[in-house]
Amino acid sequence: MITNAPLTPSWARPELAVCRFTTRSWQGPDAVANGRQVHGTRVHVLQRGQDGAVPAAPEEGDGLWTDVPGLAIAVRVADCVPILLWDPEAGAVGAVHAGWRGTAADIVGAALGVGTQLDVAPARVFAAIGPCISGRRFEVGMEVVAALRDAGLADLDFGLHVGPGGKPHVDLRRANRALLVRAGVPDSHIEDVGGCTFDQATLYHSWRRDGLAAGRMRGVIGLAP
């Protein structure tokens, strides 16, 4: 049942069996996910075949859509941005993994484009941005700044600032919010649940903090059966 737990967006309703960002201690229900996430813009659609079967998880990609009731889909993260999408009228849900490369390639825009295969309309979509590394902690090189600028984002859109060490820092949750709005999702439909994966070690895994020892959290969403 949907509840207004801290990691569940307030727009989640009973039409969704699950809509939640997981933590170290709560890994959520079983869900279909891409076999490998490659920091690209490939987004798959999972629908029932003529025989009623649901396709297996794709080998690789960074996003999924489905309109199959009872099928939960997910993306895995450990500093990157998990984004959950729902068009209640189309009866379709999506999950997107956006690291800095995917953000610079506008994976959320690509995902909304793919969603049209299920009659998704960006103006109706609700989006939730999950826990990720904060701009205060995300120190980057100028190649990242250049890539985000090349995506048509202004410095303010991705929170560019100079950190204590004199190097640039960027805010990927702000960047993806700007890209969602640019793609036609109303700003009032976008909810940031907050949380810094780097700072909150008891709650979240972080690649930047823990390296190869880092586990993964998930963004999970599915329609009620």
C-alpha atoms as a PDB file:
ATOM      1  CA  MET A   1       0.000   0.000   0.000  1.00  0.00           C
ATOM      2  CA  ILE A   2       1.223   3.512  -0.818  1.00  0.00           C
ATOM      3  CA  THR A   3       2.063   5.647   2.218  1.00  0.00           C
ATOM      4  CA  ASN A   4       3.581   9.090   2.538  1.00  0.00           C
ATOM      5  CA  ALA A   5       6.838   7.682   3.901  1.00  0.00           C
ATOM      6  CA  PRO A   6       9.853   9.992   3.491  1.00  0.00           C
ATOM      7  CA  LEU A   7      11.057   8.241   0.341  1.00  0.00           C
ATOM      8  CA  THR A   8       7.649   8.005  -1.289  1.00  0.00           C
ATOM      9  CA  PRO A   9       6.519  11.052  -3.307  1.00  0.00           C
ATOM     10  CA  SER A  10       3.345  12.695  -2.074  1.00  0.00           C
ATOM     11  CA  TRP A  11       1.691  12.284  -5.481  1.00  0.00           C
ATOM     12  CA  ALA A  12       1.720   8.467  -5.210  1.00  0.00           C
ATOM     13  CA  ARG A  13      -1.817   7.070  -5.078  1.00  0.00           C
ATOM     14  CA  PRO A  14      -3.427   3.622  -4.675  1.00  0.00           C
ATOM     15  CA  GLU A  15      -3.272   3.080  -8.448  1.00  0.00           C
ATOM     16  CA  LEU A  16       0.418   2.369  -7.793  1.00  0.00           C
ATOM     17  CA  ALA A  17       1.359  -0.845  -6.012  1.00  0.00           C
ATOM     18  CA  VAL A  18       4.783   0.605  -5.243  1.00  0.00           C
ATOM     19  CA  CYS A  19       6.451   3.975  -5.774  1.00  0.00           C
ATOM     20  CA  ARG A  20       9.470   4.246  -3.561  1.00  0.00           C
ATOM     21  CA  PHE A  21      13.187   4.903  -3.311  1.00  0.00           C
ATOM     22  CA  THR A  22      14.965   2.280  -1.264  1.00  0.00           C
ATOM     23  CA  THR A  23      17.629   2.586   1.429  1.00  0.00           C
ATOM     24  CA  ARG A  24      20.347   0.350   2.844  1.00  0.00           C
ATOM     25  CA  SER A  25      17.819  -1.273   5.170  1.00  0.00           C
ATOM     26  CA  TRP A  26      14.809  -1.501   2.823  1.00  0.00           C
ATOM     27  CA  GLN A  27      15.447  -2.961  -0.613  1.00  0.00           C
ATOM     28  CA  GLY A  28      11.829  -3.085  -1.685  1.00  0.00           C
ATOM     29  CA  PRO A  29       9.946  -5.706  -3.723  1.00  0.00           C
ATOM     30  CA  ASP A  30      11.257  -7.741  -6.629  1.00  0.00           C
ATOM     31  CA  ALA A  31      11.336  -5.640  -9.771  1.00  0.00           C
ATOM     32  CA  VAL A  32      12.450  -5.867 -13.383  1.00  0.00           C
ATOM     33  CA  ALA A  33      15.564  -3.801 -14.153  1.00  0.00           C
ATOM     34  CA  ASN A  34      18.041  -3.455 -16.990  1.00  0.00           C
ATOM     35  CA  GLY A  35      20.771  -6.055 -16.715  1.00  0.00           C
ATOM     36  CA  ARG A  36      23.470  -3.410 -17.116  1.00  0.00           C
ATOM     37  CA  GLN A  37      23.180   0.350 -16.775  1.00  0.00           C
ATOM     38  CA  VAL A  38      25.639   2.037 -19.126  1.00  0.00           C
ATOM     39  CA  HIS A  39      25.113   5.771 -18.518  1.00  0.00           C
ATOM     40  CA  GLY A  40      23.427   6.172 -21.877  1.00  0.00           C
ATOM     41  CA  THR A  41      19.952   7.098 -23.115  1.00  0.00           C
ATOM     42  CA  ARG A  42      18.509   3.735 -24.099  1.00  0.00           C
ATOM     43  CA  VAL A  43      15.040   3.278 -22.593  1.00  0.00           C
ATOM     44  CA  HIS A  44      12.951   0.129 -23.053  1.00  0.00           C
ATOM     45  CA  VAL A  45       9.193  -0.484 -23.033  1.00  0.00           C
ATOM     46  CA  LEU A  46       7.928  -3.652 -21.349  1.00  0.00           C
ATOM     47  CA  GLN A  47       4.500  -4.789 -22.536  1.00  0.00           C
ATOM     48  CA  ARG A  48       2.662  -8.094 -22.585  1.00  0.00           C
ATOM     49  CA  GLY A  49       3.103 -10.079 -25.760  1.00  0.00           C
ATOM     50  CA  GLN A  50       0.254 -11.665 -27.689  1.00  0.00           C
ATOM     51  CA  ASP A  51       0.713 -14.753 -25.512  1.00  0.00           C
ATOM     52  CA  GLY A  52       0.285 -12.633 -22.378  1.00  0.00           C
ATOM     53  CA  ALA A  53       3.917 -12.988 -21.337  1.00  0.00           C
ATOM     54  CA  VAL A  54       6.029 -10.037 -20.205  1.00  0.00           C
ATOM     55  CA  PRO A  55       9.455  -9.723 -21.881  1.00  0.00           C
ATOM     56  CA  ALA A  56      12.544 -10.502 -19.848  1.00  0.00           C
ATOM     57  CA  ALA A  57      14.713  -7.705 -18.489  1.00  0.00           C
ATOM     58  CA  PRO A  58      16.737  -6.044 -21.262  1.00  0.00           C
ATOM     59  CA  GLU A  59      20.468  -6.758 -21.238  1.00  0.00           C
ATOM     60  CA  GLU A  60      21.400  -3.110 -20.958  1.00  0.00           C
ATOM     61  CA  GLY A  61      19.915   0.362 -20.813  1.00  0.00           C
ATOM     62  CA  ASP A  62      19.183   3.142 -18.347  1.00  0.00           C
ATOM     63  CA  GLY A  63      15.423   3.339 -18.268  1.00  0.00           C
ATOM     64  CA  LEU A  64      12.207   1.344 -18.459  1.00  0.00           C
ATOM     65  CA  TRP A  65       8.519   1.987 -19.082  1.00  0.00           C
ATOM     66  CA  THR A  66       5.638  -0.387 -18.553  1.00  0.00           C
ATOM     67  CA  ASP A  67       1.846  -0.394 -18.610  1.00  0.00           C
ATOM     68  CA  VAL A  68       1.556  -3.909 -17.179  1.00  0.00           C
ATOM     69  CA  PRO A  69      -0.385  -3.968 -13.876  1.00  0.00           C
ATOM     70  CA  GLY A  70       1.462  -5.786 -11.122  1.00  0.00           C
ATOM     71  CA  LEU A  71       4.874  -5.478 -12.801  1.00  0.00           C
ATOM     72  CA  ALA A  72       7.363  -3.408 -10.810  1.00  0.00           C
ATOM     73  CA  ILE A  73      10.302  -1.829 -12.627  1.00  0.00           C
ATOM     74  CA  ALA A  74      13.459  -0.340 -11.141  1.00  0.00           C
ATOM     75  CA  VAL A  75      16.781   1.397 -11.640  1.00  0.00           C
ATOM     76  CA  ARG A  76      19.856   0.996  -9.415  1.00  0.00           C
ATOM     77  CA  VAL A  77      21.898   3.900  -8.041  1.00  0.00           C
ATOM     78  CA  ALA A  78      24.740   4.797  -5.680  1.00  0.00           C
ATOM     79  CA  ASP A  79      25.126   8.594  -6.194  1.00  0.00           C
ATOM     80  CA  CYS A  80      23.436   8.872  -9.607  1.00  0.00           C
ATOM     81  CA  VAL A  81      19.877  10.247  -9.797  1.00  0.00           C
ATOM     82  CA  PRO A  82      16.928   7.814  -9.772  1.00  0.00           C
ATOM     83  CA  ILE A  83      13.797   9.293 -11.361  1.00  0.00           C
ATOM     84  CA  LEU A  84      10.322   7.753 -11.226  1.00  0.00           C
ATOM     85  CA  LEU A  85       7.608   8.746 -13.725  1.00  0.00           C
ATOM     86  CA  TRP A  86       3.848   8.174 -13.878  1.00  0.00           C
ATOM     87  CA  ASP A  87       1.176   9.207 -16.344  1.00  0.00           C
ATOM     88  CA  PRO A  88      -2.099   8.291 -14.589  1.00  0.00           C
ATOM     89  CA  GLU A  89      -4.220   8.793 -17.702  1.00  0.00           C
ATOM     90  CA  ALA A  90      -2.026   6.595 -19.894  1.00  0.00           C
ATOM     91  CA  GLY A  91      -1.672   4.058 -17.090  1.00  0.00           C
ATOM     92  CA  ALA A  92       2.087   3.872 -17.546  1.00  0.00           C
ATOM     93  CA  VAL A  93       5.082   4.147 -15.232  1.00  0.00           C
ATOM     94  CA  GLY A  94       8.765   4.720 -15.879  1.00  0.00           C
ATOM     95  CA  ALA A  95      12.090   4.509 -14.054  1.00  0.00           C
ATOM     96  CA  VAL A  96      15.244   6.339 -15.167  1.00  0.00           C
ATOM     97  CA  HIS A  97      18.901   6.222 -14.087  1.00  0.00           C
ATOM     98  CA  ALA A  98      20.699   9.547 -14.631  1.00  0.00           C
ATOM     99  CA  GLY A  99      24.387   9.926 -13.867  1.00  0.00           C
ATOM    100  CA  TRP A 100      26.210  12.979 -15.151  1.00  0.00           C
ATOM    101  CA  ARG A 101      26.676  11.414 -18.587  1.00  0.00           C
ATOM    102  CA  GLY A 102      23.025  10.457 -18.854  1.00  0.00           C
ATOM    103  CA  THR A 103      22.013  13.876 -17.595  1.00  0.00           C
ATOM    104  CA  ALA A 104      24.212  15.601 -20.164  1.00  0.00           C
ATOM    105  CA  ALA A 105      22.639  13.387 -22.850  1.00  0.00           C
ATOM    106  CA  ASP A 106      19.142  14.309 -21.563  1.00  0.00           C
ATOM    107  CA  ILE A 107      18.004  10.822 -20.703  1.00  0.00           C
ATOM    108  CA  VAL A 108      14.805  12.155 -19.103  1.00  0.00           C
ATOM    109  CA  GLY A 109      13.893  13.848 -22.377  1.00  0.00           C
ATOM    110  CA  ALA A 110      14.679  10.632 -24.241  1.00  0.00           C
ATOM    111  CA  ALA A 111      12.600   8.629 -21.761  1.00  0.00           C
ATOM    112  CA  LEU A 112       9.583  10.876 -22.189  1.00  0.00           C
ATOM    113  CA  GLY A 113       9.939  10.489 -25.938  1.00  0.00           C
ATOM    114  CA  VAL A 114       9.948   6.702 -25.619  1.00  0.00           C
ATOM    115  CA  GLY A 115       6.940   6.927 -23.307  1.00  0.00           C
ATOM    116  CA  THR A 116       4.820   8.158 -26.218  1.00  0.00           C
ATOM    117  CA  GLN A 117       4.733   4.500 -27.338  1.00  0.00           C
ATOM    118  CA  LEU A 118       2.401   4.023 -24.359  1.00  0.00           C
ATOM    119  CA  ASP A 119       0.504   7.273 -25.053  1.00  0.00           C
ATOM    120  CA  VAL A 120       2.390   9.087 -22.288  1.00  0.00           C
ATOM    121  CA  ALA A 121       2.047  12.886 -22.457  1.00  0.00           C
ATOM    122  CA  PRO A 122       4.684  14.926 -20.580  1.00  0.00           C
ATOM    123  CA  ALA A 123       2.080  17.483 -19.471  1.00  0.00           C
ATOM    124  CA  ARG A 124       0.324  14.741 -17.476  1.00  0.00           C
ATOM    125  CA  VAL A 125       3.433  13.098 -16.044  1.00  0.00           C
ATOM    126  CA  PHE A 126       4.289  13.150 -12.349  1.00  0.00           C
ATOM    127  CA  ALA A 127       7.998  12.795 -11.572  1.00  0.00           C
ATOM    128  CA  ALA A 128       9.942  12.030  -8.414  1.00  0.00           C
ATOM    129  CA  ILE A 129      13.666  12.684  -8.050  1.00  0.00           C
ATOM    130  CA  GLY A 130      15.266  10.373  -5.513  1.00  0.00           C
ATOM    131  CA  PRO A 131      18.277  10.494  -3.196  1.00  0.00           C
ATOM    132  CA  CYS A 132      21.578  11.139  -4.952  1.00  0.00           C
ATOM    133  CA  ILE A 133      24.876  12.876  -4.332  1.00  0.00           C
ATOM    134  CA  SER A 134      24.310  16.530  -3.484  1.00  0.00           C
ATOM    135  CA  GLY A 135      25.836  19.463  -5.307  1.00  0.00           C
ATOM    136  CA  ARG A 136      27.808  20.272  -2.189  1.00  0.00           C
ATOM    137  CA  ARG A 137      29.567  16.921  -2.454  1.00  0.00           C
ATOM    138  CA  PHE A 138      29.715  16.404  -6.226  1.00  0.00           C
ATOM    139  CA  GLU A 139      33.094  17.795  -7.252  1.00  0.00           C
ATOM    140  CA  VAL A 140      33.699  17.446 -11.005  1.00  0.00           C
ATOM    141  CA  GLY A 141      36.097  18.387 -13.765  1.00  0.00           C
ATOM    142  CA  MET A 142      35.429  21.054 -16.352  1.00  0.00           C
ATOM    143  CA  GLU A 143      34.523  18.349 -18.876  1.00  0.00           C
ATOM    144  CA  VAL A 144      31.364  17.692 -16.879  1.00  0.00           C
ATOM    145  CA  VAL A 145      30.508  21.388 -16.766  1.00  0.00           C
ATOM    146  CA  ALA A 146      31.095  21.618 -20.529  1.00  0.00           C
ATOM    147  CA  ALA A 147      28.886  18.592 -21.197  1.00  0.00           C
ATOM    148  CA  LEU A 148      26.011  20.024 -19.164  1.00  0.00           C
ATOM    149  CA  ARG A 149      26.346  23.358 -20.949  1.00  0.00           C
ATOM    150  CA  ASP A 150      26.374  21.549 -24.294  1.00  0.00           C
ATOM    151  CA  ALA A 151      23.053  19.992 -23.266  1.00  0.00           C
ATOM    152  CA  GLY A 152      21.596  23.501 -23.316  1.00  0.00           C
ATOM    153  CA  LEU A 153      21.576  23.947 -19.551  1.00  0.00           C
ATOM    154  CA  ALA A 154      22.518  27.244 -17.943  1.00  0.00           C
ATOM    155  CA  ASP A 155      24.970  27.209 -15.039  1.00  0.00           C
ATOM    156  CA  LEU A 156      22.102  28.071 -12.698  1.00  0.00           C
ATOM    157  CA  ASP A 157      20.148  25.038 -13.959  1.00  0.00           C
ATOM    158  CA  PHE A 158      22.791  22.671 -12.615  1.00  0.00           C
ATOM    159  CA  GLY A 159      23.856  24.689  -9.591  1.00  0.00           C
ATOM    160  CA  LEU A 160      27.424  25.341 -10.711  1.00  0.00           C
ATOM    161  CA  HIS A 161      29.596  26.657  -7.914  1.00  0.00           C
ATOM    162  CA  VAL A 162      33.181  26.451  -6.703  1.00  0.00           C
ATOM    163  CA  GLY A 163      33.735  24.094  -3.782  1.00  0.00           C
ATOM    164  CA  PRO A 164      36.112  24.465  -0.833  1.00  0.00           C
ATOM    165  CA  GLY A 165      38.896  22.824  -2.832  1.00  0.00           C
ATOM    166  CA  GLY A 166      38.595  25.376  -5.624  1.00  0.00           C
ATOM    167  CA  LYS A 167      37.038  22.919  -8.103  1.00  0.00           C
ATOM    168  CA  PRO A 168      33.590  23.070  -9.697  1.00  0.00           C
ATOM    169  CA  HIS A 169      30.602  21.340  -8.115  1.00  0.00           C
ATOM    170  CA  VAL A 170      27.314  20.595  -9.886  1.00  0.00           C
ATOM    171  CA  ASP A 171      23.849  19.536  -8.736  1.00  0.00           C
ATOM    172  CA  LEU A 172      22.433  16.710 -10.860  1.00  0.00           C
ATOM    173  CA  ARG A 173      18.992  16.766  -9.232  1.00  0.00           C
ATOM    174  CA  ARG A 174      18.598  20.428 -10.257  1.00  0.00           C
ATOM    175  CA  ALA A 175      19.813  19.626 -13.763  1.00  0.00           C
ATOM    176  CA  ASN A 176      17.304  16.817 -14.203  1.00  0.00           C
ATOM    177  CA  ARG A 177      14.486  18.946 -12.865  1.00  0.00           C
ATOM    178  CA  ALA A 178      15.340  21.573 -15.499  1.00  0.00           C
ATOM    179  CA  LEU A 179      15.389  18.895 -18.198  1.00  0.00           C
ATOM    180  CA  LEU A 180      12.032  17.487 -17.103  1.00  0.00           C
ATOM    181  CA  VAL A 181      10.487  20.957 -17.288  1.00  0.00           C
ATOM    182  CA  ARG A 182      12.092  21.542 -20.685  1.00  0.00           C
ATOM    183  CA  ALA A 183      10.517  18.294 -21.899  1.00  0.00           C
ATOM    184  CA  GLY A 184       7.059  19.494 -20.855  1.00  0.00           C
ATOM    185  CA  VAL A 185       6.559  18.100 -17.344  1.00  0.00           C
ATOM    186  CA  PRO A 186       4.937  20.792 -15.151  1.00  0.00           C
ATOM    187  CA  ASP A 187       7.266  21.941 -12.390  1.00  0.00           C
ATOM    188  CA  SER A 188       4.394  21.474  -9.932  1.00  0.00           C
ATOM    189  CA  HIS A 189       4.351  17.767 -10.877  1.00  0.00           C
ATOM    190  CA  ILE A 190       8.020  17.251  -9.963  1.00  0.00           C
ATOM    191  CA  GLU A 191       8.899  16.253  -6.415  1.00  0.00           C
ATOM    192  CA  ASP A 192      12.410  15.995  -4.995  1.00  0.00           C
ATOM    193  CA  VAL A 193      12.371  13.625  -2.015  1.00  0.00           C
ATOM    194  CA  GLY A 194      15.815  14.851  -0.919  1.00  0.00           C
ATOM    195  CA  GLY A 195      18.708  12.995   0.655  1.00  0.00           C
ATOM    196  CA  CYS A 196      22.443  13.071  -0.026  1.00  0.00           C
ATOM    197  CA  THR A 197      23.893   9.616  -0.642  1.00  0.00           C
ATOM    198  CA  PHE A 198      27.416  10.794   0.236  1.00  0.00           C
ATOM    199  CA  ASP A 199      26.589  12.468   3.544  1.00  0.00           C
ATOM    200  CA  GLN A 200      23.973  10.043   4.894  1.00  0.00           C
ATOM    201  CA  ALA A 201      26.065   6.894   5.213  1.00  0.00           C
ATOM    202  CA  THR A 202      23.635   5.098   7.522  1.00  0.00           C
ATOM    203  CA  LEU A 203      20.852   5.414   4.936  1.00  0.00           C
ATOM    204  CA  TYR A 204      22.525   5.236   1.541  1.00  0.00           C
ATOM    205  CA  HIS A 205      25.307   3.625  -0.437  1.00  0.00           C
ATOM    206  CA  SER A 206      27.703   6.015  -2.203  1.00  0.00           C
ATOM    207  CA  TRP A 207      30.223   5.244  -4.929  1.00  0.00           C
ATOM    208  CA  ARG A 208      32.099   8.474  -4.267  1.00  0.00           C
ATOM    209  CA  ARG A 209      32.402   7.667  -0.576  1.00  0.00           C
ATOM    210  CA  ASP A 210      32.839   3.877  -0.596  1.00  0.00           C
ATOM    211  CA  GLY A 211      34.238   3.009  -4.031  1.00  0.00           C
ATOM    212  CA  LEU A 212      34.067  -0.669  -4.974  1.00  0.00           C
ATOM    213  CA  ALA A 213      32.580  -1.494  -1.568  1.00  0.00           C
ATOM    214  CA  ALA A 214      29.440   0.504  -2.370  1.00  0.00           C
ATOM    215  CA  GLY A 215      26.162  -1.343  -2.702  1.00  0.00           C
ATOM    216  CA  ARG A 216      23.147   0.007  -4.563  1.00  0.00           C
ATOM    217  CA  MET A 217      19.743   1.493  -3.791  1.00  0.00           C
ATOM    218  CA  ARG A 218      16.811   1.405  -6.198  1.00  0.00           C
ATOM    219  CA  GLY A 219      13.983   3.506  -7.462  1.00  0.00           C
ATOM    220  CA  VAL A 220      10.996   1.155  -7.815  1.00  0.00           C
ATOM    221  CA  ILE A 221       7.584   1.824  -9.312  1.00  0.00           C
ATOM    222  CA  GLY A 222       4.712  -0.379 -10.462  1.00  0.00           C
ATOM    223  CA  LEU A 223       1.022  -0.222 -11.232  1.00  0.00           C
ATOM    224  CA  ALA A 224      -1.400  -1.949  -8.888  1.00  0.00           C
ATOM    225  CA  PRO A 225      -2.674  -5.290 -10.270  1.00  0.00           C
END
